[in-house]
Every structure is written in structure tokens, then in C-alpha cells.
Amino acid sequence: MNIFEFKEKIKELPYFETKELRLVLGDKFTKTMLVNLKNWVKKGYLIMLRRGLYLTAEETLKNDSLVFATKIYPPSYVSLEMALSFYGIIPEAVFSTTSVTTRKTKKFKTPQGNFSYQKIKKEAFGGYETKKAGKISFNLALPEKALVDFFYLNRHNLDGELAQFQSYRFNQDFKYDKKKLLTFAKIFKNKKVSFLTINFIKYYVA
């Protein structure tokens, strides 16, 4: 099977794992196919995001890196600096796609960029929407949840003072939802997170 025949077989799969490929190809999935996958990656026809997870080179041109984050290390959702930048809450461009997960903290270096995942408690895993880019779905934190996740994972370095918040250049004109901020903070059951959230509301929410 050449690359053109292969792409025709997987045209309904924007990304695929080897276990899915076995189902699609049936008895045509052989050891030779594993060799082909390796060669097609070397030639640039396919991109390997992590071991056993592939997508076609054409698919990478259609989407930003954050679209692939949920697939690389599930369960997870894009949050923290990447989500805050996406919403325009912080002005800086973010060069690593940041997510949270209930699994152990982990980082991946891929041809599509760097992906980092930080662990949060299971009770606090939520507050995201599932969005779709073409045929690929991905999870993205709501603006307020991205902020509270940021407070939780940086709580030991944050003092809740206006000067420090200003150093992050949080967008004062963004329409933050006070109720959502307080609800998400409460889920963490952490005094420091609640303190930081309340102070943020005092400075940034009309």
C-alpha cells in the first residue's frame, strides 16, 4: 500500500492511533504497515504527535497546535497561559500549549510544538467547553476557569496584591464573570485560591 492509497483509507480520520488503524485496515494491517508508518513520518507525509498517535501533514496546516492538545494526553483541557492568551486576558504570545489533567504532570515535544500538562485534583477538573476545528474536537477552559486554574497552580508564588497582578498584565477590559470565578474557586477547596480569586475580583471585576 502506498501513501496515496493509505490516505484514501483514512480520509475520515483527522488523526488516528495504531489501534484504530487496525480496525480500519483489518487484515491489511501488517508488520509492513508499521514500517510504512515509520518511513512516512521520516518523509514528512505523516506527523507523529506521540508514540502511536499520528495525523497527516495536511491536517497540521489547517489547525493551531492547541487543537491537538486534548488528543495527546487525555483526559485534559487547554487552560492556564495558553487559554488566557487565546481569550486576550494576557497579551503575551505563548509558545507552549498549556493544559491541565488529572494524570501526572507531563511534557511533550512534538513537530507541532511543545505541550505541557499540569495535574489538578479530580474534583476541580471541569469548567471547559468542547470545541471543534474541522473534524477535530478539543477541550478549552472557560476564561474564568483558566484564571482560577492559574491561581491554583501558581498559588505559592502569588500574593494577591494589585502590583503583582499588574505584572501579568491581565486585561482590565475583559468582561469577567464574578459568579463563575467564585464558583470555580470554591471547587478547589483551597484558602489561598479563594483569597487570590477574591482579590482579583476586587481589582478587575466591575
Protein backbone atom coordinates (compact mmCIF):
# COMPACT_ATOMS: atom_id res chain seq x y z
CA MET A 1 0.00 0.00 0.00
CA ASN A 2 1.45 3.37 -0.99
CA ILE A 3 0.85 6.67 0.81
CA PHE A 4 -1.91 7.76 -1.58
CA GLU A 5 -3.87 4.54 -1.05
CA PHE A 6 -3.29 4.85 2.68
CA LYS A 7 -4.62 8.42 2.81
CA GLU A 8 -7.71 7.35 0.93
CA LYS A 9 -8.33 4.67 3.56
CA ILE A 10 -8.02 7.10 6.46
CA LYS A 11 -9.64 10.16 4.85
CA GLU A 12 -12.38 10.18 7.51
CA LEU A 13 -9.81 10.14 10.32
CA PRO A 14 -8.25 13.57 11.01
CA TYR A 15 -5.89 11.81 13.40
CA PHE A 16 -5.50 8.16 14.33
CA GLU A 17 -3.86 5.77 16.72
CA THR A 18 -2.39 2.45 15.64
CA LYS A 19 -5.18 0.59 17.44
CA GLU A 20 -7.77 2.45 15.32
CA LEU A 21 -5.76 1.74 12.22
CA ARG A 22 -6.00 -1.98 12.90
CA LEU A 23 -9.80 -1.70 12.79
CA VAL A 24 -9.84 0.40 9.62
CA LEU A 25 -7.36 -1.71 7.66
CA GLY A 26 -8.29 -5.13 9.03
CA ASP A 27 -6.08 -7.85 7.58
CA LYS A 28 -4.13 -5.23 5.63
CA PHE A 29 -2.61 -4.05 8.89
CA THR A 30 0.65 -5.98 8.97
CA LYS A 31 4.18 -5.53 10.27
CA THR A 32 4.95 -3.94 6.92
CA MET A 33 2.38 -1.24 7.71
CA LEU A 34 4.26 -0.36 10.91
CA VAL A 35 7.42 0.03 8.84
CA ASN A 36 5.50 2.17 6.35
CA LEU A 37 4.25 4.46 9.13
CA LYS A 38 7.80 4.99 10.31
CA ASN A 39 9.00 5.76 6.79
CA TRP A 40 6.09 8.09 6.06
CA VAL A 41 6.90 10.05 9.21
CA LYS A 42 10.51 10.38 8.08
CA LYS A 43 9.38 11.61 4.67
CA GLY A 44 7.02 14.15 6.20
CA TYR A 45 3.77 12.60 4.93
CA LEU A 46 2.64 11.89 8.50
CA ILE A 47 3.29 13.64 11.81
CA MET A 48 3.73 11.60 14.99
CA LEU A 49 2.40 13.62 17.94
CA ARG A 50 3.34 10.95 20.44
CA ARG A 51 4.05 7.25 20.25
CA GLY A 52 1.13 5.62 18.45
CA LEU A 53 -0.69 8.87 17.59
CA TYR A 54 -0.47 10.23 14.04
CA LEU A 55 -2.03 12.76 11.72
CA THR A 56 -1.41 13.70 8.12
CA ALA A 57 0.88 16.61 7.31
CA GLU A 58 -2.06 18.34 5.56
CA GLU A 59 -4.07 18.30 8.80
CA THR A 60 -1.35 20.17 10.69
CA LEU A 61 -1.55 23.05 8.22
CA LYS A 62 -5.26 23.54 8.93
CA ASN A 63 -5.08 23.99 12.71
CA ASP A 64 -3.25 25.71 15.54
CA SER A 65 -1.36 23.49 17.95
CA LEU A 66 -3.91 23.82 20.77
CA VAL A 67 -6.38 21.78 18.69
CA PHE A 68 -4.22 18.68 19.19
CA ALA A 69 -3.56 19.07 22.92
CA THR A 70 -6.56 17.09 24.16
CA LYS A 71 -5.64 14.09 21.98
CA ILE A 72 -2.02 13.90 23.05
CA TYR A 73 -2.65 13.37 26.76
CA PRO A 74 -6.29 12.72 27.75
CA PRO A 75 -8.15 13.49 29.89
CA SER A 76 -7.11 17.11 29.64
CA TYR A 77 -8.23 20.54 28.54
CA VAL A 78 -6.31 23.60 27.35
CA SER A 79 -6.01 26.11 30.19
CA LEU A 80 -3.55 28.37 32.02
CA GLU A 81 -1.38 30.66 29.87
CA MET A 82 -2.48 29.25 26.51
CA ALA A 83 -6.17 29.73 27.26
CA LEU A 84 -5.58 33.15 28.82
CA SER A 85 -3.69 34.23 25.70
CA PHE A 86 -6.41 32.75 23.46
CA TYR A 87 -9.05 34.91 25.17
CA GLY A 88 -6.85 38.01 25.20
CA ILE A 89 -6.65 38.07 29.01
CA ILE A 90 -2.86 38.21 28.84
CA PRO A 91 -1.13 39.92 25.91
CA GLU A 92 1.89 37.68 25.54
CA ALA A 93 2.16 35.03 22.85
CA VAL A 94 2.51 31.60 24.44
CA PHE A 95 4.95 29.20 22.84
CA SER A 96 3.98 26.05 24.74
CA THR A 97 0.42 24.73 24.72
CA THR A 98 -0.56 24.53 28.39
CA SER A 99 -3.25 22.19 29.69
CA VAL A 100 -4.44 20.63 32.93
CA THR A 101 -5.09 16.97 33.56
CA THR A 102 -5.98 14.56 36.34
CA ARG A 103 -2.95 12.45 35.41
CA LYS A 104 0.63 13.13 36.42
CA THR A 105 2.33 16.30 35.19
CA LYS A 106 3.98 15.72 31.85
CA LYS A 107 5.58 17.48 28.86
CA PHE A 108 5.75 16.51 25.20
CA LYS A 109 7.99 17.87 22.46
CA THR A 110 6.41 17.28 19.04
CA PRO A 111 6.76 18.56 15.46
CA GLN A 112 3.66 20.63 16.24
CA GLY A 113 5.30 22.34 19.21
CA ASN A 114 5.67 21.79 22.93
CA PHE A 115 2.78 20.65 25.09
CA SER A 116 2.74 20.79 28.90
CA TYR A 117 0.18 19.25 31.25
CA GLN A 118 -0.15 20.06 34.94
CA LYS A 119 -2.07 17.93 37.38
CA ILE A 120 -5.06 19.23 39.30
CA LYS A 121 -7.38 17.39 41.67
CA LYS A 122 -10.17 15.38 40.07
CA GLU A 123 -12.90 17.42 41.77
CA ALA A 124 -11.61 20.54 40.05
CA PHE A 125 -11.35 19.02 36.59
CA GLY A 126 -14.06 20.83 34.65
CA GLY A 127 -15.17 24.27 33.58
CA TYR A 128 -14.28 23.74 29.92
CA GLU A 129 -16.10 23.60 26.60
CA THR A 130 -15.57 21.07 23.84
CA LYS A 131 -14.93 22.94 20.62
CA LYS A 132 -14.42 21.71 17.08
CA ALA A 133 -11.90 22.68 14.44
CA GLY A 134 -12.73 20.88 11.22
CA LYS A 135 -13.09 17.22 12.17
CA ILE A 136 -11.07 17.54 15.37
CA SER A 137 -12.67 18.24 18.75
CA PHE A 138 -10.70 19.68 21.65
CA ASN A 139 -11.37 20.92 25.19
CA LEU A 140 -10.80 24.56 26.13
CA ALA A 141 -11.22 26.08 29.59
CA LEU A 142 -13.71 28.87 30.06
CA PRO A 143 -11.91 32.19 30.67
CA GLU A 144 -12.72 32.21 34.39
CA LYS A 145 -11.65 28.58 34.85
CA ALA A 146 -8.34 29.23 33.08
CA LEU A 147 -7.72 32.04 35.56
CA VAL A 148 -8.60 30.00 38.63
CA ASP A 149 -6.53 27.07 37.37
CA PHE A 150 -3.67 29.55 37.01
CA PHE A 151 -4.18 30.79 40.59
CA TYR A 152 -4.23 27.23 41.92
CA LEU A 153 -1.08 26.06 40.17
CA ASN A 154 0.81 29.29 40.98
CA ARG A 155 -0.64 29.87 44.43
CA HIS A 156 2.73 29.54 46.19
CA ASN A 157 4.18 32.37 44.10
CA LEU A 158 1.21 34.73 44.11
CA ASP A 159 0.50 37.24 46.89
CA GLY A 160 -2.84 38.61 45.67
CA GLU A 161 -1.60 42.20 45.56
CA LEU A 162 -2.55 44.52 42.71
CA ALA A 163 1.09 45.20 41.76
CA GLN A 164 1.73 41.52 41.15
CA PHE A 165 -1.49 41.05 39.18
CA GLN A 166 -0.48 44.07 37.08
CA SER A 167 2.87 42.45 36.33
CA TYR A 168 0.98 39.72 34.46
CA ARG A 169 -0.86 42.45 32.51
CA PHE A 170 -4.29 40.89 32.93
CA ASN A 171 -6.78 42.62 30.64
CA GLN A 172 -8.80 45.07 32.73
CA ASP A 173 -11.38 45.49 29.95
CA PHE A 174 -12.25 41.80 29.72
CA LYS A 175 -15.80 41.03 30.91
CA TYR A 176 -15.08 38.58 33.73
CA ASP A 177 -17.99 36.71 35.25
CA LYS A 178 -17.75 37.16 39.03
CA LYS A 179 -20.10 34.28 39.80
CA LYS A 180 -18.13 31.83 37.67
CA LEU A 181 -14.84 32.93 39.24
CA LEU A 182 -16.18 32.31 42.75
CA THR A 183 -17.81 29.01 41.79
CA PHE A 184 -14.64 27.63 40.20
CA ALA A 185 -12.50 28.82 43.13
CA LYS A 186 -14.80 27.09 45.61
CA ILE A 187 -14.35 23.74 43.84
CA PHE A 188 -10.65 23.70 44.74
CA LYS A 189 -11.40 23.94 48.48
CA ASN A 190 -8.19 25.89 48.97
CA LYS A 191 -7.97 29.04 51.10
CA LYS A 192 -5.18 30.58 49.05
CA VAL A 193 -7.09 30.08 45.78
CA SER A 194 -10.17 31.70 47.31
CA PHE A 195 -8.06 34.60 48.60
CA LEU A 196 -6.45 35.18 45.22
CA THR A 197 -9.78 34.98 43.40
CA ILE A 198 -11.50 37.41 45.75
CA ASN A 199 -8.64 39.88 45.41
CA PHE A 200 -8.67 39.55 41.64
CA ILE A 201 -12.40 40.31 41.63
CA LYS A 202 -11.77 43.36 43.81
CA TYR A 203 -9.29 44.76 41.30
CA TYR A 204 -10.66 43.61 37.97
CA VAL A 205 -14.41 42.97 38.11
CA ALA A 206 -16.72 45.95 37.95
